[in-house]
Protein backbone atom coordinates (compact mmCIF):
# COMPACT_ATOMS: atom_id res chain seq x y z
CA MET A 1 164.11 -70.56 14.33
CA ALA A 2 166.49 -67.71 14.92
CA ARG A 3 165.59 -65.55 17.88
CA ARG A 4 164.99 -61.93 17.02
CA ARG A 5 167.22 -59.43 18.76
CA ALA A 6 165.71 -56.50 20.65
CA ARG A 7 165.94 -53.26 18.70
CA VAL A 8 167.83 -50.53 20.52
CA VAL A 9 166.89 -46.91 19.94
CA ARG A 10 170.06 -44.97 19.17
CA LEU A 11 170.69 -41.24 19.11
CA ASP A 12 171.55 -39.59 15.80
CA PRO A 13 175.23 -38.60 15.44
CA ALA A 14 174.58 -34.93 16.18
CA ALA A 15 172.73 -35.69 19.41
CA ALA A 16 175.27 -38.34 20.40
CA ALA A 17 178.14 -35.85 20.14
CA VAL A 18 176.31 -33.33 22.34
CA LYS A 19 175.52 -36.05 24.88
CA GLU A 20 179.16 -37.15 24.97
CA ALA A 21 180.28 -33.54 25.47
CA ARG A 22 177.87 -33.10 28.39
CA SER A 23 179.12 -36.34 29.89
CA ARG A 24 182.72 -35.10 29.74
CA LEU A 25 181.76 -31.84 31.41
CA TYR A 26 179.95 -33.84 34.09
CA ARG A 27 183.20 -35.62 34.87
CA HIS A 28 185.26 -32.42 34.84
CA PRO A 29 185.41 -31.11 38.44
CA MET A 30 185.35 -27.44 37.39
CA PHE A 31 182.19 -27.70 35.27
CA PHE A 32 180.27 -30.35 37.18
CA SER A 33 178.17 -27.97 39.33
CA LEU A 34 177.50 -25.60 36.43
CA GLU A 35 176.45 -28.40 34.11
CA ARG A 36 174.13 -29.98 36.68
CA SER A 37 172.39 -26.65 37.27
CA SER A 38 171.97 -25.62 33.65
CA GLY A 39 169.56 -26.87 31.00
CA LEU A 40 169.89 -27.87 27.36
CA ASN A 41 167.47 -27.17 24.52
CA ARG A 42 167.96 -29.01 21.20
CA GLN A 43 164.43 -28.51 19.92
CA LYS A 44 163.81 -27.19 16.46
CA ARG A 45 163.12 -23.46 16.26
CA ASN A 46 164.96 -22.74 19.50
CA ARG A 47 166.85 -19.48 20.03
CA CYS A 48 170.11 -20.61 18.42
CA PRO A 49 170.76 -18.72 15.14
CA PRO A 50 170.82 -20.87 11.96
CA GLY A 51 174.55 -20.32 11.47
CA GLY A 52 175.56 -20.55 15.12
CA TRP A 53 176.54 -23.23 17.61
CA ALA A 54 174.80 -22.26 20.84
CA VAL A 55 173.44 -19.37 22.89
CA VAL A 56 172.80 -19.12 26.63
CA THR A 57 169.92 -17.40 28.41
CA ALA A 58 169.76 -15.66 31.78
CA SER A 59 167.64 -18.52 33.16
CA GLY A 60 170.52 -20.98 32.59
CA ARG A 61 169.27 -22.75 29.45
CA ILE A 62 171.71 -23.42 26.61
CA HIS A 63 170.04 -23.48 23.18
CA VAL A 64 172.26 -25.54 20.86
CA HIS A 65 171.88 -25.95 17.10
CA PRO A 66 169.53 -28.94 16.68
CA THR A 67 171.13 -30.43 13.55
CA ARG A 68 174.77 -29.27 13.47
CA LEU A 69 177.07 -32.26 13.05
CA ALA A 70 180.34 -31.85 14.94
CA SER A 71 182.70 -33.80 17.15
CA ALA A 72 182.29 -34.15 20.91
CA GLU A 73 185.51 -32.14 21.35
CA ASP A 74 183.95 -29.19 19.53
CA TRP A 75 180.80 -29.35 21.65
CA VAL A 76 182.87 -29.51 24.86
CA TYR A 77 184.36 -26.11 23.94
CA VAL A 78 180.99 -24.62 22.97
CA LEU A 79 179.13 -25.82 26.07
CA ALA A 80 182.01 -24.84 28.39
CA HIS A 81 181.99 -21.37 26.76
CA CYS A 82 178.28 -20.93 27.55
CA LEU A 83 178.65 -22.29 31.09
CA LEU A 84 181.45 -19.84 31.84
CA HIS A 85 179.21 -16.97 30.76
CA LEU A 86 176.89 -18.05 33.58
CA GLY A 87 179.59 -18.71 36.15
CA LEU A 88 181.39 -15.42 35.53
CA GLY A 89 178.18 -13.40 35.89
CA HIS A 90 178.05 -12.16 32.29
CA LEU A 91 174.27 -12.52 31.76
CA LYS A 92 173.40 -9.06 33.00
CA MET A 93 171.96 -6.11 31.11
CA GLU A 94 174.43 -3.45 29.94
CA ARG A 95 173.84 -0.17 28.10
CA ALA A 96 175.81 -1.45 25.07
CA PRO A 97 174.91 -5.17 24.78
CA ALA A 98 176.95 -5.83 21.62
CA GLU A 99 180.20 -4.49 23.11
CA TRP A 100 179.55 -6.30 26.40
CA ASN A 101 178.92 -9.61 24.62
CA VAL A 102 182.15 -9.34 22.63
CA ALA A 103 184.15 -8.40 25.72
CA CYS A 104 182.79 -11.39 27.64
CA ASP A 105 183.42 -13.72 24.68
CA CYS A 106 187.07 -12.66 24.58
CA GLN A 107 187.58 -13.25 28.29
CA VAL A 108 185.90 -16.68 28.18
CA ALA A 109 187.95 -17.68 25.14
CA ARG A 110 191.16 -16.65 26.94
CA PHE A 111 190.05 -18.60 30.04
CA LEU A 112 189.47 -21.76 28.01
CA GLY A 113 192.76 -21.33 26.19
CA ASP A 114 194.77 -20.86 29.39
CA PHE A 115 193.28 -23.95 31.04
CA LYS A 116 193.36 -25.97 27.80
CA ILE A 117 189.81 -27.24 28.33
CA ALA A 118 189.26 -28.03 24.63
CA ARG A 119 190.21 -26.73 21.21
CA PRO A 120 187.89 -24.16 19.59
CA PRO A 121 185.88 -25.39 16.59
CA VAL A 122 186.47 -24.08 13.09
CA GLY A 123 184.82 -20.67 12.78
CA ILE A 124 185.33 -19.69 16.43
CA GLU A 125 188.59 -17.79 16.63
CA PRO A 126 190.11 -16.95 20.04
CA PRO A 127 191.62 -13.45 20.36
CA VAL A 128 195.27 -13.14 19.35
CA VAL A 129 195.78 -9.47 20.25
CA PRO A 130 196.70 -8.28 23.78
CA LEU A 131 193.60 -7.60 25.87
CA PRO A 132 192.91 -5.92 29.24
CA ALA A 133 192.83 -8.06 32.34
CA SER A 134 189.06 -7.91 32.86
CA GLU A 135 185.97 -7.88 30.66
CA SER A 136 184.88 -4.55 32.21
CA GLN A 137 188.06 -2.80 31.01
CA LEU A 138 187.74 -4.34 27.55
CA TYR A 139 184.08 -3.32 27.47
CA GLU A 140 184.96 0.32 28.14
CA ARG A 141 187.60 0.25 25.40
CA LEU A 142 185.18 -1.26 22.87
CA CYS A 143 182.54 1.34 23.73
CA ALA A 144 185.06 4.10 23.08
CA GLU A 145 186.92 2.69 20.03
CA GLY A 146 184.43 0.27 18.45
CA ILE A 147 184.57 -3.51 17.92
CA PRO A 148 187.46 -4.80 15.73
CA PRO A 149 186.37 -7.40 13.14
CA GLU A 150 188.74 -10.07 14.54
CA LEU A 151 187.01 -9.99 17.94
CA ARG A 152 183.54 -10.67 16.54
CA LEU A 153 184.42 -14.34 15.94
CA CYS A 154 185.09 -15.29 19.57
CA GLY A 155 181.47 -16.21 20.40
CA THR A 156 179.43 -19.32 19.72
CA ALA A 157 176.41 -17.71 18.03
CA GLY A 158 177.92 -17.27 14.57
CA PRO A 159 178.60 -14.18 12.43
CA GLY A 160 176.44 -11.17 13.22
CA ALA A 161 174.81 -12.75 16.31
CA TYR A 162 175.54 -12.81 20.04
CA ASP A 163 175.60 -15.85 22.29
CA MET A 164 174.19 -14.21 25.44
CA LEU A 165 170.46 -13.50 25.85
CA PRO A 166 170.19 -11.57 29.16
CA SER A 167 166.56 -10.64 28.54
CA GLN A 168 165.39 -14.28 28.52
CA GLY A 169 164.65 -15.02 32.17
CA ARG A 170 165.89 -13.79 35.53
CA PHE A 171 169.64 -13.98 36.09
CA ASP A 172 170.75 -14.96 39.61
CA GLU A 173 174.37 -13.84 39.48
CA GLY A 174 175.20 -14.98 43.02
CA PHE A 175 173.89 -18.49 42.37
CA TRP A 176 175.96 -19.04 39.22
CA ARG A 177 179.11 -17.50 40.70
CA ALA A 178 178.77 -19.88 43.67
CA LYS A 179 178.53 -22.84 41.27
CA LEU A 180 181.72 -21.79 39.51
CA ALA A 181 183.46 -21.29 42.87
CA ASP A 182 182.45 -24.82 43.87
CA GLY A 183 183.93 -26.08 40.60
CA ILE A 184 187.21 -24.26 41.10
CA ARG A 185 187.56 -25.69 44.59
CA ALA A 186 186.80 -29.19 43.29
CA ALA A 187 189.31 -28.75 40.45
CA VAL A 188 192.06 -27.71 42.87
CA ALA A 189 191.34 -30.68 45.14
CA SER A 190 191.33 -33.01 42.13
CA ALA A 191 194.66 -31.61 40.93
CA VAL A 192 196.20 -32.32 44.34
CA ARG A 193 194.90 -35.92 44.25
CA VAL A 194 196.23 -36.40 40.71
CA ALA A 195 199.65 -35.05 41.71
CA GLY A 196 199.69 -37.43 44.66
CA GLY A 197 198.83 -40.43 42.52
CA VAL A 198 195.53 -41.03 44.27
CA GLU A 199 193.36 -40.18 41.28
CA ASP A 200 193.75 -40.46 37.50
CA PRO A 201 193.58 -37.23 35.49
CA MET A 202 190.34 -36.55 33.64
CA GLY A 203 190.34 -37.90 30.11
CA GLY A 204 187.80 -39.80 28.05
CA PRO A 205 185.00 -41.91 29.50
CA ARG A 206 186.29 -44.25 32.16
CA LYS A 207 185.39 -47.88 31.71
CA SER A 208 183.62 -49.74 34.45
CA SER A 209 185.29 -52.42 36.52
CA SER A 210 185.37 -55.97 35.22
CA ALA A 211 182.76 -57.12 37.76
CA VAL A 212 180.30 -54.40 36.75
CA ASP A 213 181.01 -54.92 33.06
CA LYS A 214 180.38 -58.66 33.39
CA ALA A 215 177.11 -57.95 35.21
CA ARG A 216 175.98 -55.61 32.44
CA GLN A 217 176.97 -58.08 29.72
CA TRP A 218 175.00 -60.80 31.50
CA PHE A 219 171.80 -58.81 31.03
CA VAL A 220 172.61 -58.05 27.39
CA ASN A 221 173.35 -61.68 26.52
CA ARG A 222 171.13 -63.71 28.85
CA TYR A 223 168.28 -61.63 30.27
CA PRO A 224 166.10 -60.15 27.50
CA LEU A 225 163.80 -58.23 29.85
CA LEU A 226 166.56 -55.75 30.76
CA GLY A 227 169.00 -56.40 27.90
CA SER A 228 167.89 -53.45 25.78
CA LEU A 229 168.07 -51.07 28.72
CA ALA A 230 171.50 -52.36 29.73
CA SER A 231 172.89 -51.84 26.22
CA GLY A 232 171.31 -48.37 25.90
CA MET A 233 172.66 -46.94 29.18
CA SER A 234 176.18 -45.69 29.92
CA PHE A 235 177.92 -47.15 32.99
CA LEU A 236 180.48 -44.81 34.53
CA GLU A 237 182.80 -45.84 37.33
CA ASP A 238 184.63 -42.73 38.40
CA PRO A 239 185.60 -42.20 42.06
CA ALA A 240 185.84 -38.42 41.64
CA VAL A 241 182.30 -38.11 40.26
CA CYS A 242 180.91 -40.42 42.93
CA ARG A 243 182.62 -38.37 45.63
CA ARG A 244 181.12 -35.12 44.34
CA MET A 245 177.66 -36.68 44.08
CA ASP A 246 177.85 -38.56 47.42
CA ILE A 247 177.27 -41.97 45.81
CA SER A 248 178.17 -44.89 48.08
CA VAL A 249 177.26 -47.78 45.74
CA ALA A 250 175.29 -46.67 42.67
CA ALA A 251 172.84 -44.11 41.28
CA VAL A 252 171.11 -43.46 37.97
CA ASP A 253 170.48 -40.26 35.99
CA PRO A 254 167.47 -40.82 33.66
CA GLU A 255 168.03 -37.50 31.88
CA MET A 256 171.63 -38.34 30.95
CA ARG A 257 170.99 -42.10 30.50
CA GLU A 258 173.91 -42.83 32.81
CA VAL A 259 174.42 -45.25 35.71
CA TYR A 260 177.09 -44.15 38.20
CA ILE A 261 179.04 -46.93 39.91
CA SER A 262 181.23 -46.38 42.95
CA PRO A 263 184.39 -48.53 42.75
CA GLY A 264 184.87 -48.25 46.49
CA ALA A 265 181.75 -50.33 47.25
CA GLY A 266 183.71 -53.58 46.85
CA LEU A 267 180.79 -55.77 45.75
CA GLU A 268 181.02 -59.15 44.05
CA GLU A 269 179.78 -59.81 40.51
CA ASP A 270 176.46 -61.32 41.70
CA GLU A 271 175.88 -58.31 43.93
CA TRP A 272 176.63 -55.93 41.06
CA ARG A 273 174.11 -57.87 38.99
CA PHE A 274 171.44 -57.06 41.58
CA VAL A 275 172.51 -53.39 41.69
CA VAL A 276 172.51 -53.02 37.89
CA ALA A 277 169.01 -54.55 37.64
CA HIS A 278 167.83 -52.25 40.42
CA GLU A 279 168.96 -49.08 38.62
CA LEU A 280 167.69 -50.24 35.22
CA LEU A 281 164.22 -50.88 36.63
CA HIS A 282 164.16 -47.37 38.10
CA VAL A 283 164.48 -45.79 34.67
CA GLY A 284 162.54 -48.46 32.79
CA LEU A 285 159.48 -48.11 35.03
CA ARG A 286 159.69 -44.29 34.78
CA HIS A 287 159.92 -43.72 38.53
CA ASP A 288 161.34 -40.23 38.00
CA ALA A 289 158.38 -39.14 35.84
CA ARG A 290 155.79 -40.85 38.08
CA ARG A 291 156.78 -38.92 41.21
CA GLN A 292 154.30 -36.10 40.46
CA GLY A 293 155.06 -33.75 43.32
CA ARG A 294 155.73 -36.40 45.97
CA ASP A 295 158.70 -36.09 48.31
CA ALA A 296 161.71 -37.15 46.23
CA PHE A 297 163.50 -39.24 48.86
CA LEU A 298 160.40 -40.96 50.26
CA TRP A 299 159.22 -41.76 46.73
CA ASN A 300 162.67 -43.21 46.02
CA VAL A 301 162.40 -45.35 49.14
CA ALA A 302 158.96 -46.61 48.13
CA CYS A 303 160.23 -47.58 44.67
CA ASP A 304 163.24 -49.32 46.24
CA TYR A 305 161.01 -51.50 48.40
CA VAL A 306 158.95 -52.60 45.39
CA ILE A 307 161.91 -53.19 43.04
CA ASN A 308 163.99 -55.13 45.58
CA GLY A 309 161.05 -57.39 46.38
CA TRP A 310 160.63 -58.22 42.70
CA LEU A 311 164.36 -58.88 42.20
CA LEU A 312 164.39 -61.29 45.13
CA GLU A 313 161.38 -63.12 43.66
CA MET A 314 163.08 -63.36 40.27
CA GLY A 315 166.34 -64.54 41.83
CA ILE A 316 168.55 -62.01 40.02
CA GLY A 317 171.99 -61.74 41.56
CA GLU A 318 172.71 -61.63 45.25
CA LEU A 319 171.40 -59.14 47.79
CA PRO A 320 174.14 -56.56 48.56
CA LYS A 321 175.14 -55.99 52.14
CA MET A 322 174.46 -52.26 52.08
CA GLY A 323 171.85 -49.86 50.72
CA VAL A 324 169.11 -52.43 50.00
CA LEU A 325 165.62 -51.87 51.41
CA HIS A 326 163.31 -54.86 51.70
CA ASP A 327 160.21 -55.62 53.74
CA SER A 328 158.19 -58.78 53.08
CA LYS A 329 155.09 -57.08 54.55
CA LEU A 330 154.98 -54.77 51.51
CA ARG A 331 154.80 -57.61 48.98
CA GLY A 332 152.19 -57.08 46.28
CA MET A 333 151.91 -53.32 46.85
CA SER A 334 152.63 -50.71 44.20
CA ALA A 335 155.09 -47.86 44.69
CA GLU A 336 152.20 -45.41 45.12
CA GLU A 337 150.64 -47.58 47.85
CA VAL A 338 153.97 -47.99 49.65
CA TYR A 339 154.52 -44.22 49.53
CA ASP A 340 151.12 -43.53 51.09
CA LEU A 341 152.07 -45.95 53.86
CA ILE A 342 155.55 -44.67 54.70
CA VAL A 343 154.67 -40.96 54.43
CA THR A 344 152.74 -41.32 57.69
CA ASP A 345 156.03 -41.92 59.56
CA ILE A 346 158.49 -39.53 57.93
CA ARG A 347 160.87 -39.40 60.91
CA LYS A 348 161.53 -43.15 60.67
CA TYR A 349 161.93 -43.46 56.92
CA ARG A 350 164.11 -40.35 56.55
CA LYS A 351 166.93 -42.29 58.24
CA LEU A 352 166.98 -45.15 55.73
CA VAL A 353 169.97 -45.88 53.50
CA THR A 354 169.63 -46.40 49.74
CA LEU A 355 172.29 -47.49 47.24
CA ARG A 356 173.41 -43.88 47.09
CA GLY A 357 173.70 -43.33 50.83
CA LYS A 358 171.86 -42.27 53.99
CA GLY A 359 169.03 -39.86 53.31
CA LEU A 360 169.87 -39.71 49.57
CA GLY A 361 167.88 -41.22 46.72
CA ASP A 362 169.64 -43.18 43.98
CA ILE A 363 167.35 -41.59 41.34
CA LEU A 364 169.24 -38.38 40.64
CA GLU A 365 167.23 -35.19 40.39
CA PRO A 366 167.10 -33.63 36.90
CA SER A 367 169.26 -30.60 36.26
CA ARG A 368 166.09 -28.56 35.55
CA PRO A 369 162.51 -29.20 36.71
CA ASP A 370 160.96 -28.68 33.28
CA TRP A 371 163.21 -31.06 31.32
CA TRP A 372 160.36 -33.52 30.86
CA GLN A 373 158.35 -31.04 28.78
CA THR A 374 161.16 -30.78 26.20
CA GLY A 375 161.43 -32.90 23.09
CA GLU A 376 164.43 -34.66 24.62
CA GLY A 377 162.28 -35.86 27.51
CA VAL A 378 159.67 -37.26 25.14
CA ASP A 379 162.35 -39.13 23.18
CA LEU A 380 163.76 -40.67 26.36
CA ASP A 381 160.30 -41.72 27.50
CA SER A 382 159.75 -43.51 24.19
CA PHE A 383 163.19 -45.13 24.47
CA TYR A 384 162.63 -46.49 27.98
CA ARG A 385 159.12 -47.73 27.22
CA SER A 386 160.16 -49.50 24.02
CA CYS A 387 163.13 -51.18 25.73
CA LEU A 388 160.98 -52.69 28.48
CA ARG A 389 158.11 -53.56 26.14
CA GLN A 390 160.37 -55.41 23.69
CA GLY A 391 162.32 -56.99 26.53
CA LEU A 392 159.12 -58.38 28.06
CA ALA A 393 158.02 -59.81 24.69
CA HIS A 394 161.35 -61.60 24.14
CA HIS A 395 161.44 -62.79 27.74
CA GLU A 396 158.01 -64.40 27.43
CA GLU A 397 158.73 -65.87 23.98
CA GLY A 398 161.92 -67.53 25.15
CA GLU A 399 160.51 -68.56 28.57
CA ARG A 400 163.60 -67.12 30.22
CA GLY A 401 162.42 -67.22 33.82
CA TYR A 402 159.79 -66.20 36.35
CA LEU A 403 158.50 -62.63 36.40
CA PRO A 404 156.32 -61.25 39.23
CA ALA A 405 152.77 -60.41 38.18
CA GLY A 406 153.10 -56.88 39.59
CA LEU A 407 156.17 -56.16 37.43
CA VAL A 408 154.48 -57.48 34.27
CA GLU A 409 151.39 -55.42 35.06
CA GLU A 410 153.43 -52.21 35.46
CA ILE A 411 155.35 -52.78 32.21
CA ARG A 412 152.13 -53.31 30.29
CA ALA A 413 150.53 -50.31 31.95
CA LEU A 414 153.45 -48.13 30.84
CA ASP A 415 152.76 -49.20 27.27
CA GLN A 416 149.36 -47.49 27.47
CA PRO A 417 149.18 -43.69 27.24
CA PRO A 418 148.16 -42.04 30.53
CA ILE A 419 144.63 -40.67 30.85
CA PRO A 420 144.65 -36.85 30.58
CA TRP A 421 143.59 -34.96 33.68
CA ASP A 422 140.53 -33.42 32.02
CA VAL A 423 139.26 -36.86 30.97
CA GLU A 424 139.65 -38.11 34.55
CA LEU A 425 137.79 -35.03 35.78
CA ALA A 426 134.99 -35.72 33.29
CA GLN A 427 134.73 -39.28 34.62
CA TRP A 428 134.45 -37.89 38.16
CA PHE A 429 131.55 -35.69 37.03
CA ASP A 430 129.88 -38.71 35.42
CA GLU A 431 130.10 -40.64 38.70
CA HIS A 432 128.31 -37.92 40.67
CA PHE A 433 125.89 -36.50 38.09
CA ALA A 434 123.90 -39.05 36.15
CA PRO A 435 122.10 -37.88 32.98
CA VAL A 436 118.96 -35.86 33.76
CA GLU A 437 115.64 -37.37 32.77
CA LYS A 438 113.90 -35.07 30.24
CA ARG A 439 110.46 -34.83 28.64
CA ARG A 440 109.04 -33.16 25.53
CA SER A 441 107.29 -29.86 26.19
CA TYR A 442 105.59 -27.17 24.11
CA ALA A 443 105.98 -24.60 26.91
CA ARG A 444 109.17 -23.44 25.23
CA PRO A 445 109.12 -24.54 21.56
CA SER A 446 112.42 -25.22 19.93
CA ARG A 447 113.51 -23.78 16.64
CA ARG A 448 111.11 -24.45 13.76
CA GLN A 449 112.26 -26.25 10.68
CA SER A 450 112.67 -24.14 7.56
CA ALA A 451 110.70 -26.67 5.49
CA THR A 452 107.66 -26.41 7.78
CA PRO A 453 107.83 -23.03 9.50
CA ASP A 454 104.18 -23.16 10.58
CA ILE A 455 104.58 -26.33 12.64
CA PRO A 456 106.00 -25.76 16.17
CA ARG A 457 108.41 -28.37 17.52
CA PRO A 458 108.56 -29.36 21.20
CA SER A 459 111.74 -28.92 23.20
CA TRP A 460 113.28 -31.26 25.73
CA VAL A 461 113.12 -29.98 29.31
CA PRO A 462 114.15 -31.66 32.58
CA VAL A 463 111.49 -33.49 34.54
CA GLU A 464 110.17 -31.44 37.46
CA GLY A 465 112.48 -31.81 40.47
CA ALA A 466 115.27 -33.47 38.47
CA LEU A 467 117.66 -30.54 39.02
CA GLU A 468 116.96 -30.20 42.75
CA GLY A 469 120.11 -30.72 44.79
CA ARG A 470 122.17 -31.16 41.61
CA THR A 471 125.22 -29.15 42.60
CA PHE A 472 128.69 -29.42 44.09
CA GLY A 473 131.07 -27.21 46.01
CA VAL A 474 134.34 -25.68 44.85
CA VAL A 475 136.96 -24.61 47.40
CA LEU A 476 139.43 -22.45 45.52
CA ASP A 477 142.90 -21.72 46.90
CA THR A 478 143.53 -18.05 46.01
CA SER A 479 146.78 -17.60 47.94
CA GLY A 480 149.80 -15.89 46.47
CA SER A 481 151.50 -19.18 45.54
CA MET A 482 148.74 -20.18 43.14
CA ASP A 483 149.49 -19.90 39.43
CA ARG A 484 146.89 -17.86 37.51
CA ARG A 485 147.14 -20.23 34.56
CA LEU A 486 146.23 -23.10 36.88
CA LEU A 487 143.18 -21.17 38.09
CA SER A 488 142.00 -20.41 34.58
CA LYS A 489 142.42 -24.00 33.39
CA ALA A 490 140.65 -25.45 36.41
CA LEU A 491 137.74 -23.00 36.38
CA GLY A 492 137.28 -23.39 32.65
CA ALA A 493 137.10 -27.18 32.92
CA ILE A 494 134.68 -27.02 35.86
CA ALA A 495 132.38 -24.60 34.06
CA SER A 496 132.27 -26.56 30.80
CA TYR A 497 131.65 -29.93 32.50
CA SER A 498 128.95 -28.39 34.72
CA ILE A 499 127.11 -27.01 31.69
CA SER A 500 127.34 -30.30 29.79
CA ARG A 501 125.94 -32.25 32.76
CA ASP A 502 123.03 -29.90 33.52
CA VAL A 503 124.39 -28.55 36.81
CA PRO A 504 122.39 -25.34 37.30
CA ALA A 505 124.67 -23.72 39.91
CA VAL A 506 127.95 -24.30 41.72
CA ARG A 507 128.72 -23.25 45.30
CA VAL A 508 132.07 -21.42 45.23
CA VAL A 509 134.26 -20.54 48.23
CA PHE A 510 137.55 -18.62 47.91
CA CYS A 511 140.20 -19.32 50.54
CA ASP A 512 143.48 -17.68 51.41
CA ALA A 513 143.99 -16.31 54.92
CA ALA A 514 140.19 -16.42 55.34
CA ALA A 515 137.18 -17.97 53.60
CA TYR A 516 135.05 -15.89 51.21
CA ASP A 517 131.68 -17.45 50.39
CA GLN A 518 130.61 -16.47 46.87
CA GLY A 519 127.32 -18.36 47.09
CA TYR A 520 125.83 -20.26 44.17
CA MET A 521 127.08 -19.28 40.74
CA PRO A 522 125.73 -20.38 37.36
CA PRO A 523 128.42 -22.19 35.34
CA GLU A 524 128.21 -19.51 32.66
CA VAL A 525 129.39 -16.90 35.17
CA ILE A 526 132.38 -19.01 36.19
CA LEU A 527 133.25 -19.57 32.53
CA ASP A 528 132.97 -15.86 31.76
CA ARG A 529 134.87 -14.29 34.62
CA VAL A 530 135.35 -14.76 38.35
CA LYS A 531 136.80 -11.96 40.44
CA VAL A 532 139.30 -13.62 42.78
CA ARG A 533 139.65 -12.07 46.22
CA GLY A 534 142.42 -12.46 48.75
CA ARG A 535 145.86 -13.60 47.52
CA GLY A 536 147.16 -13.85 51.07
CA GLY A 537 148.11 -17.01 53.03
CA THR A 538 146.61 -20.48 52.64
CA VAL A 539 143.96 -21.77 55.08
CA LEU A 540 141.50 -24.13 53.39
CA GLN A 541 139.85 -25.82 56.38
CA PRO A 542 137.40 -22.91 57.11
CA GLY A 543 136.13 -23.07 53.53
CA ILE A 544 135.53 -26.82 53.74
CA LYS A 545 133.83 -26.43 57.11
CA LEU A 546 131.61 -23.68 55.67
CA LEU A 547 130.31 -26.03 52.96
CA GLU A 548 129.86 -29.02 55.27
CA GLU A 549 127.83 -26.99 57.76
CA ALA A 550 125.85 -24.89 55.24
CA GLU A 551 122.11 -25.58 55.51
CA ASP A 552 121.48 -24.80 51.84
CA PHE A 553 124.19 -27.18 50.60
CA PRO A 554 123.11 -30.81 49.88
CA THR A 555 124.29 -33.41 52.39
CA LYS A 556 125.55 -35.60 49.53
CA GLY A 557 127.05 -32.79 47.48
CA PRO A 558 130.70 -33.50 46.55
CA ILE A 559 133.47 -30.96 47.08
CA LEU A 560 136.23 -30.16 44.59
CA ILE A 561 139.35 -28.52 46.10
CA ILE A 562 141.65 -26.57 43.75
CA THR A 563 145.06 -25.98 45.36
CA ASP A 564 148.80 -26.19 44.71
CA GLY A 565 149.36 -28.26 47.88
CA TRP A 566 150.82 -25.52 50.07
CA CYS A 567 148.25 -25.92 52.82
CA ASP A 568 147.77 -27.52 56.22
CA PRO A 569 146.35 -31.08 56.60
CA LEU A 570 142.60 -31.11 55.89
CA ARG A 571 139.71 -32.98 57.53
CA ILE A 572 136.98 -33.64 54.97
CA HIS A 573 133.92 -35.73 55.78
CA ARG A 574 132.24 -35.42 52.37
CA GLU A 575 132.95 -37.04 49.04
CA HIS A 576 135.73 -34.93 47.57
CA ALA A 577 138.55 -34.66 45.04
CA PHE A 578 141.64 -32.48 44.51
CA LEU A 579 142.62 -30.56 41.40
CA MET A 580 146.26 -29.51 41.52
CA PRO A 581 149.38 -29.04 39.33
CA THR A 582 151.72 -31.93 38.56
CA TYR A 583 154.47 -30.45 40.76
CA GLY A 584 152.16 -29.99 43.79
CA ARG A 585 152.39 -32.21 46.85
CA LEU A 586 149.76 -32.54 49.57
CA PRO A 587 151.07 -32.63 53.18
CA PHE A 588 148.85 -35.64 53.95
CA VAL A 589 147.61 -38.85 52.34
CA PRO A 590 144.48 -37.89 50.34
CA LYS A 591 141.37 -40.05 50.64
CA GLY A 592 139.72 -38.56 47.57
CA LYS A 593 140.90 -38.64 43.99
CA VAL A 594 143.69 -36.32 42.83
CA PHE A 595 143.62 -34.83 39.32
CA ARG A 596 146.90 -33.25 38.24
CA ILE A 597 146.87 -30.42 35.71
CA GLU A 598 149.83 -30.34 33.34
């Protein structure tokens, strides 16, 4: 019977061209820093006009047309145009925004033409008339004489629109100018190396070395578990890129679906096989998305320990001589458990060396923190999950070798949708507040039926004493770093779950630089409105101590702490849990449950 081949999720042609253009700009020394710091939005109904190519906002996000079909060369010009608006400090408010936008478009177009970065697409016409030396001088001329029709076609937003949106976000001019300055310095250094014959000039995508290519092909042809991932990722071996990113052996960028290989590592084919499997498992097991506010490098180290242990058990390749972390004492532990263990000795583990280098994680940080909430992030998540799920099915069907139980368990767990934070919080309430026993009573009759209005109906009331001691404490971080949306979400969930589980009152304590005891509050009051005091620093321990020592608070009453993680280590002797945002990180290993609000 013919063996079915794993289906690979491919990008549509429009998205593939944009991805290729971003990859080329990544490899260009002048645009590398700008591209890494900016963001891309290809969602439907973004801010790009229907007839345009792209617009750029003051926050550094480039909104490209979601369906426009064009070549990668065209998109290189468009994206470079938008990046130069950022690097040259153009995203600032001017009294005549139309004239300023046109002036900046002309200067960027002349810059791209002088350096021959790429050819302009059809419909974007660079200026052919003599122009002043700076955009400020051209701006003053346009304000005085008006905008000629031939200069309105220099931008990337299409006819009648402008490709700069300075009102969308805060523009940090110094930050973006520094990124462009870094790129210019890198471009000059690269030009010197090219002239000296040390480095090849930047062209198309550089192919990986034969040893790395053979290692990748081995997974595609002979190892179904990782074959789909290996065929769906791009492997780039470019010494200039690895130098700029401080990559000693290898690193992976989940957002760009690229694996960076350093040709100077000098590994053998079996060692490259181990390295390739290591990086593929990082993205396949979603280690970047599972970090959830933990320290990036220490989380990377914890994942390395787990992955390398599995690869040694499976016998894939040969252990490289550098950048590999392995400890047999950690066998059978998950990445989360290993992280909780090593975070207690940060000074020791900060000195470790990964495949990227000393003190650097081989899981590259995303160019923007919020990329996972975009449609592109959801598509990548589906791609990675489907690759591992199908690979595991084919691996088991063909009996292609031993797989550790922990790895199989993680792959199958990734196939299940995560439990939302509010459902986990509801389960926590169920654990501490069992259903109240009730009895029928005529003391307070319920509504009468319309068919028999003369017959009173009994209502259900709690048994006497059933509500005694049925409460919990809430320690609320009200410091200046707390997001008001986080407070409203958390308080709303607490109030609704308290009402549904017959909790008559909640003990609330506000904490910033000091503790403010609000006493017992009915859930309806919390749901309606709570006046938050403070907004100073963050000191939560006095609030916890207040509840633990309060004579009118039950000895078994649980405590729920709402914080963003910017606090000192806490000592809690009661049953407790934390409610915090996904990006928050506690400065200690929590003993209670942690619910993360999205």
